[in-house]
Amino acid sequence: MRKIIIGLFLMTFGVILSTGLFAQPSPHPPAPPENKGTNGNQPPPYQQPSPGPVEPGTGILLILAAAYGMKKVRDAKRT
């Protein structure tokens, strides 16, 4: 039982830590224009990068995996 709890904790901790690895890098600023006027060499406004799309099936898969894990824990307690 203790091994199961430690395993679940480590998997959850790993998923939480790896969420930052999917971030998109910020775009490079454009090259300065040849004719510099009043608007020349100004950086573009900051835009928050949008996260990648999440499929609807991902949530269903996570719910089913949690239910299966709870069933396995309950079965392990019975024996």
C-alpha atoms as a PDB file:
ATOM      1  CA  MET A   1       0.000   0.000   0.000  1.00  0.00           C
ATOM      2  CA  ARG A   2       2.802   2.382   0.885  1.00  0.00           C
ATOM      3  CA  LYS A   3       4.523   1.697  -2.459  1.00  0.00           C
ATOM      4  CA  ILE A   4       1.340   2.582  -4.312  1.00  0.00           C
ATOM      5  CA  ILE A   5       0.972   5.903  -2.521  1.00  0.00           C
ATOM      6  CA  ILE A   6       4.630   6.783  -3.100  1.00  0.00           C
ATOM      7  CA  GLY A   7       4.294   5.837  -6.785  1.00  0.00           C
ATOM      8  CA  LEU A   8       1.188   7.969  -7.236  1.00  0.00           C
ATOM      9  CA  PHE A   9       2.877  10.877  -5.471  1.00  0.00           C
ATOM     10  CA  LEU A  10       5.957  10.637  -7.696  1.00  0.00           C
ATOM     11  CA  MET A  11       3.870  10.440 -10.875  1.00  0.00           C
ATOM     12  CA  THR A  12       1.783  13.446  -9.838  1.00  0.00           C
ATOM     13  CA  PHE A  13       4.888  15.407  -8.865  1.00  0.00           C
ATOM     14  CA  GLY A  14       6.516  14.562 -12.217  1.00  0.00           C
ATOM     15  CA  VAL A  15       3.491  15.723 -14.190  1.00  0.00           C
ATOM     16  CA  ILE A  16       3.296  18.983 -12.254  1.00  0.00           C
ATOM     17  CA  LEU A  17       6.989  19.713 -12.806  1.00  0.00           C
ATOM     18  CA  SER A  18       6.905  18.863 -16.501  1.00  0.00           C
ATOM     19  CA  THR A  19       4.065  21.263 -17.379  1.00  0.00           C
ATOM     20  CA  GLY A  20       6.529  24.151 -17.766  1.00  0.00           C
ATOM     21  CA  LEU A  21       8.465  22.221 -20.406  1.00  0.00           C
ATOM     22  CA  PHE A  22       5.701  22.689 -22.953  1.00  0.00           C
ATOM     23  CA  ALA A  23       5.974  26.480 -23.038  1.00  0.00           C
ATOM     24  CA  GLN A  24       6.622  28.152 -26.357  1.00  0.00           C
ATOM     25  CA  PRO A  25       9.625  30.452 -26.685  1.00  0.00           C
ATOM     26  CA  SER A  26       8.962  34.125 -27.262  1.00  0.00           C
ATOM     27  CA  PRO A  27       9.246  35.285 -30.885  1.00  0.00           C
ATOM     28  CA  HIS A  28      12.338  37.143 -32.033  1.00  0.00           C
ATOM     29  CA  PRO A  29      11.941  40.893 -32.522  1.00  0.00           C
ATOM     30  CA  PRO A  30      11.832  42.048 -36.153  1.00  0.00           C
ATOM     31  CA  ALA A  31      14.887  43.500 -37.822  1.00  0.00           C
ATOM     32  CA  PRO A  32      15.115  47.291 -37.662  1.00  0.00           C
ATOM     33  CA  PRO A  33      13.681  49.036 -40.720  1.00  0.00           C
ATOM     34  CA  GLU A  34      15.961  50.697 -43.221  1.00  0.00           C
ATOM     35  CA  ASN A  35      14.303  54.098 -42.996  1.00  0.00           C
ATOM     36  CA  LYS A  36      14.116  55.054 -39.327  1.00  0.00           C
ATOM     37  CA  GLY A  37      11.336  57.490 -38.645  1.00  0.00           C
ATOM     38  CA  THR A  38       9.281  58.338 -35.580  1.00  0.00           C
ATOM     39  CA  ASN A  39       8.016  54.740 -35.275  1.00  0.00           C
ATOM     40  CA  GLY A  40      11.316  53.031 -36.051  1.00  0.00           C
ATOM     41  CA  ASN A  41      12.963  50.410 -33.828  1.00  0.00           C
ATOM     42  CA  GLN A  42      10.058  50.005 -31.450  1.00  0.00           C
ATOM     43  CA  PRO A  43       9.521  46.474 -30.169  1.00  0.00           C
ATOM     44  CA  PRO A  44       6.198  44.798 -30.878  1.00  0.00           C
ATOM     45  CA  PRO A  45       3.678  44.723 -28.037  1.00  0.00           C
ATOM     46  CA  TYR A  46       4.033  41.716 -25.746  1.00  0.00           C
ATOM     47  CA  GLN A  47       1.636  38.924 -26.532  1.00  0.00           C
ATOM     48  CA  GLN A  48       1.032  36.047 -24.148  1.00  0.00           C
ATOM     49  CA  PRO A  49       1.716  32.830 -26.068  1.00  0.00           C
ATOM     50  CA  SER A  50      -1.367  30.672 -26.280  1.00  0.00           C
ATOM     51  CA  PRO A  51      -1.078  27.136 -24.926  1.00  0.00           C
ATOM     52  CA  GLY A  52      -1.363  24.214 -27.282  1.00  0.00           C
ATOM     53  CA  PRO A  53      -4.767  22.662 -27.893  1.00  0.00           C
ATOM     54  CA  VAL A  54      -5.967  20.046 -25.408  1.00  0.00           C
ATOM     55  CA  GLU A  55      -8.068  17.276 -26.862  1.00  0.00           C
ATOM     56  CA  PRO A  56     -11.382  16.573 -25.120  1.00  0.00           C
ATOM     57  CA  GLY A  57     -10.439  12.913 -24.804  1.00  0.00           C
ATOM     58  CA  THR A  58      -7.521  13.777 -22.521  1.00  0.00           C
ATOM     59  CA  GLY A  59      -9.806  14.621 -19.602  1.00  0.00           C
ATOM     60  CA  ILE A  60     -11.811  11.450 -20.122  1.00  0.00           C
ATOM     61  CA  LEU A  61      -8.613   9.408 -20.199  1.00  0.00           C
ATOM     62  CA  LEU A  62      -7.407  10.980 -16.950  1.00  0.00           C
ATOM     63  CA  ILE A  63     -10.737  10.304 -15.217  1.00  0.00           C
ATOM     64  CA  LEU A  64     -10.725   6.677 -16.350  1.00  0.00           C
ATOM     65  CA  ALA A  65      -7.107   6.235 -15.225  1.00  0.00           C
ATOM     66  CA  ALA A  66      -7.932   7.663 -11.777  1.00  0.00           C
ATOM     67  CA  ALA A  67     -10.974   5.378 -11.464  1.00  0.00           C
ATOM     68  CA  TYR A  68      -8.889   2.355 -12.455  1.00  0.00           C
ATOM     69  CA  GLY A  69      -6.213   3.305  -9.922  1.00  0.00           C
ATOM     70  CA  MET A  70      -8.828   3.659  -7.177  1.00  0.00           C
ATOM     71  CA  LYS A  71     -10.227   0.226  -8.084  1.00  0.00           C
ATOM     72  CA  LYS A  72      -6.753  -1.316  -7.867  1.00  0.00           C
ATOM     73  CA  VAL A  73      -6.176   0.298  -4.465  1.00  0.00           C
ATOM     74  CA  ARG A  74      -9.547  -0.942  -3.206  1.00  0.00           C
ATOM     75  CA  ASP A  75      -8.803  -4.460  -4.489  1.00  0.00           C
ATOM     76  CA  ALA A  76      -5.401  -4.390  -2.795  1.00  0.00           C
ATOM     77  CA  LYS A  77      -7.025  -3.453   0.529  1.00  0.00           C
ATOM     78  CA  ARG A  78      -9.490  -6.354   0.330  1.00  0.00           C
ATOM     79  CA  THR A  79      -6.798  -9.020  -0.005  1.00  0.00           C
END
